[in-house]
Amino acid sequence: MVPDQALAQALLLRGDEQAFRELYARHTPRLYQLVLRILAGSEHDAEDVVQETWIRATEALGGFRWEAAFGTWLTGIGINVARGLLRKQGRWQPLDDAAEPWRPPPHHGERIDLERAIALLPSGYRSVLVLHDVEGYTHDEIGERLGIAPGTSKSQLSHARRALRRMLEPVKEESHEHA
């Protein structure tokens, strides 16, 4: 397998379309899943974000210093593009360490799947949860990508997990039986 850096060089130096296709095929599935989760399952928005991410990545490729893996750099761009779209749509809630933990709406006697539960989280909680628990980023890395303190990332992750637990547990309906 040709390393990402060699493919990127072929793309930069010769405009090698096959090199681009290989990079795209390698990295787009993970990128798409990440932004799909950040965007609460909106497939159309995720496709737009992936396209915009690749446009920005190819434009900035000459300045990439290879201090991180190509996929890490690409997902960082994707996260920023997704956050920008959420802001533009008025759907991005800034991460504030002092914010009240979000409470999901009750679902009587119903269990929901994990993907749907993640999609129901506020965007800030969802972003930190996906980056930490799904993608494996550290709180320092999350803080760097989202422009927040690592402590805020930890706090938001705790709130997000608590909200998920509440959503994933069925709510017992009150009994109206008379003895």
Protein backbone atom coordinates (compact mmCIF):
# COMPACT_ATOMS: atom_id res chain seq x y z
CA MET A 1 0.00 0.00 0.00
CA VAL A 2 1.31 3.42 -0.99
CA PRO A 3 1.71 5.71 2.07
CA ASP A 4 -0.58 8.74 2.37
CA GLN A 5 2.38 11.11 2.15
CA ALA A 6 3.51 9.66 -1.20
CA LEU A 7 -0.04 9.94 -2.55
CA ALA A 8 -0.30 13.52 -1.32
CA GLN A 9 3.01 14.39 -2.98
CA ALA A 10 1.83 12.87 -6.28
CA LEU A 11 -1.34 14.93 -6.02
CA LEU A 12 0.56 18.13 -5.21
CA LEU A 13 3.36 17.77 -7.75
CA ARG A 14 1.53 16.22 -10.69
CA GLY A 15 -2.15 16.69 -9.95
CA ASP A 16 -2.37 12.88 -9.96
CA GLU A 17 -6.09 12.08 -10.00
CA GLN A 18 -5.51 8.43 -9.10
CA ALA A 19 -3.56 9.49 -5.99
CA PHE A 20 -6.48 11.70 -4.97
CA ARG A 21 -8.94 8.86 -5.55
CA GLU A 22 -6.86 6.56 -3.33
CA LEU A 23 -6.67 9.12 -0.51
CA TYR A 24 -10.39 9.78 -0.86
CA ALA A 25 -11.26 6.07 -0.74
CA ARG A 26 -9.06 5.51 2.32
CA HIS A 27 -10.26 8.38 4.43
CA THR A 28 -13.78 9.29 3.39
CA PRO A 29 -15.68 6.44 5.12
CA ARG A 30 -14.34 7.37 8.56
CA LEU A 31 -14.66 11.10 7.87
CA TYR A 32 -18.26 10.66 6.72
CA GLN A 33 -19.22 8.66 9.83
CA LEU A 34 -17.64 11.26 12.10
CA VAL A 35 -19.37 14.26 10.55
CA LEU A 36 -22.65 12.34 10.24
CA ARG A 37 -22.63 11.86 14.01
CA ILE A 38 -21.63 15.45 14.71
CA LEU A 39 -24.46 16.60 12.42
CA ALA A 40 -27.03 14.42 14.23
CA GLY A 41 -27.54 12.02 11.33
CA SER A 42 -28.24 14.49 8.53
CA GLU A 43 -26.91 12.56 5.53
CA HIS A 44 -27.29 15.46 3.09
CA ASP A 45 -25.37 17.82 5.39
CA ALA A 46 -22.71 15.14 6.02
CA GLU A 47 -22.16 14.71 2.29
CA ASP A 48 -21.81 18.48 1.87
CA VAL A 49 -19.36 18.67 4.78
CA VAL A 50 -17.25 15.81 3.38
CA GLN A 51 -17.10 17.53 -0.01
CA GLU A 52 -16.15 20.89 1.53
CA THR A 53 -13.58 19.15 3.75
CA TRP A 54 -11.84 17.61 0.75
CA ILE A 55 -11.88 20.94 -1.09
CA ARG A 56 -10.24 22.68 1.86
CA ALA A 57 -7.80 19.82 2.41
CA THR A 58 -6.58 19.81 -1.18
CA GLU A 59 -6.21 23.60 -1.09
CA ALA A 60 -4.19 23.41 2.16
CA LEU A 61 -2.24 20.25 1.36
CA GLY A 62 0.92 22.13 0.41
CA GLY A 63 1.11 23.59 3.92
CA PHE A 64 0.52 20.29 5.73
CA ARG A 65 3.70 19.51 7.71
CA TRP A 66 3.01 15.79 8.39
CA GLU A 67 3.41 16.24 12.15
CA ALA A 68 0.18 14.25 12.51
CA ALA A 69 -1.34 11.50 10.42
CA PHE A 70 -3.12 12.62 7.25
CA GLY A 71 -6.42 11.16 8.55
CA THR A 72 -6.12 13.11 11.80
CA TRP A 73 -5.47 16.34 9.92
CA LEU A 74 -8.37 15.65 7.56
CA THR A 75 -10.82 14.92 10.39
CA GLY A 76 -9.75 18.16 12.08
CA ILE A 77 -10.77 20.03 8.94
CA GLY A 78 -14.02 18.04 8.82
CA ILE A 79 -14.84 18.89 12.43
CA ASN A 80 -14.34 22.59 11.73
CA VAL A 81 -16.48 22.46 8.59
CA ALA A 82 -19.25 20.60 10.47
CA ARG A 83 -19.16 23.11 13.34
CA GLY A 84 -19.33 25.96 10.83
CA LEU A 85 -22.40 24.44 9.20
CA LEU A 86 -24.09 23.93 12.58
CA ARG A 87 -23.36 27.55 13.48
CA LYS A 88 -24.72 28.77 10.14
CA GLN A 89 -27.89 26.75 10.73
CA GLY A 90 -28.18 28.02 14.33
CA ARG A 91 -27.73 24.46 15.63
CA TRP A 92 -24.37 24.82 17.39
CA GLN A 93 -24.53 25.29 21.15
CA PRO A 94 -21.21 26.62 22.42
CA LEU A 95 -19.51 24.47 25.00
CA ASP A 96 -19.74 26.17 28.36
CA ASP A 97 -18.43 24.38 31.42
CA ALA A 98 -21.02 26.12 33.57
CA ALA A 99 -23.96 25.02 31.40
CA GLU A 100 -26.73 23.01 32.95
CA PRO A 101 -26.66 19.36 31.94
CA TRP A 102 -29.09 18.76 29.10
CA ARG A 103 -32.09 16.58 29.89
CA PRO A 104 -33.60 14.44 27.13
CA PRO A 105 -37.36 14.25 26.64
CA PRO A 106 -38.93 11.24 28.38
CA HIS A 107 -39.79 8.18 26.29
CA HIS A 108 -42.36 6.10 28.13
CA GLY A 109 -41.67 2.38 27.89
CA GLU A 110 -39.45 2.86 24.86
CA ARG A 111 -35.79 2.16 24.22
CA ILE A 112 -33.95 4.06 21.55
CA ASP A 113 -30.85 3.02 19.68
CA LEU A 114 -27.47 4.52 20.41
CA GLU A 115 -27.12 6.39 17.10
CA ARG A 116 -30.49 8.06 17.57
CA ALA A 117 -29.62 8.92 21.17
CA ILE A 118 -26.32 10.49 20.07
CA ALA A 119 -28.18 12.48 17.41
CA LEU A 120 -30.54 13.85 20.08
CA LEU A 121 -27.70 15.29 22.15
CA PRO A 122 -26.99 19.01 21.86
CA SER A 123 -24.24 19.63 19.32
CA GLY A 124 -21.55 20.47 21.88
CA TYR A 125 -22.15 17.33 23.95
CA ARG A 126 -22.42 15.25 20.78
CA SER A 127 -19.14 16.57 19.38
CA VAL A 128 -17.14 15.83 22.53
CA LEU A 129 -18.73 12.38 22.95
CA VAL A 130 -18.08 11.38 19.33
CA LEU A 131 -14.52 12.68 19.35
CA HIS A 132 -13.64 10.99 22.65
CA ASP A 133 -15.68 7.79 22.82
CA VAL A 134 -16.01 6.98 19.12
CA GLU A 135 -12.88 8.47 17.54
CA GLY A 136 -10.54 8.04 20.51
CA TYR A 137 -9.24 11.60 20.80
CA THR A 138 -7.82 12.72 24.16
CA HIS A 139 -9.32 15.64 26.05
CA ASP A 140 -6.26 17.73 25.12
CA GLU A 141 -6.79 16.94 21.42
CA ILE A 142 -10.52 17.67 21.70
CA GLY A 143 -9.78 20.95 23.42
CA GLU A 144 -7.39 21.89 20.64
CA ARG A 145 -9.89 21.00 17.90
CA LEU A 146 -12.91 22.65 19.52
CA GLY A 147 -11.12 25.60 21.09
CA ILE A 148 -12.02 24.65 24.67
CA ALA A 149 -10.12 23.71 27.82
CA PRO A 150 -9.47 20.00 28.41
CA GLY A 151 -11.46 20.31 31.66
CA THR A 152 -14.46 21.59 29.70
CA SER A 153 -14.15 18.59 27.39
CA LYS A 154 -14.16 16.25 30.40
CA SER A 155 -17.18 17.99 31.90
CA GLN A 156 -19.12 17.94 28.62
CA LEU A 157 -18.30 14.27 28.12
CA SER A 158 -19.63 13.48 31.58
CA HIS A 159 -22.85 15.40 30.87
CA ALA A 160 -23.20 13.71 27.47
CA ARG A 161 -22.76 10.23 28.92
CA ARG A 162 -25.27 10.96 31.69
CA ALA A 163 -27.80 12.19 29.13
CA LEU A 164 -27.21 9.11 26.97
CA ARG A 165 -27.78 6.78 29.91
CA ARG A 166 -31.09 8.50 30.66
CA MET A 167 -32.18 8.25 27.02
CA LEU A 168 -31.21 4.61 26.67
CA GLU A 169 -33.04 3.43 29.79
CA PRO A 170 -36.76 2.85 29.28
CA VAL A 171 -38.95 5.03 31.46
CA LYS A 172 -41.35 2.99 33.56
CA GLU A 173 -44.92 4.13 33.35
CA GLU A 174 -46.67 4.83 36.61
CA SER A 175 -48.97 2.08 37.76
CA HIS A 176 -52.61 3.05 38.19
CA GLU A 177 -53.72 -0.28 39.61
CA HIS A 178 -55.99 -0.29 42.65
CA ALA A 179 -55.73 -3.05 45.24
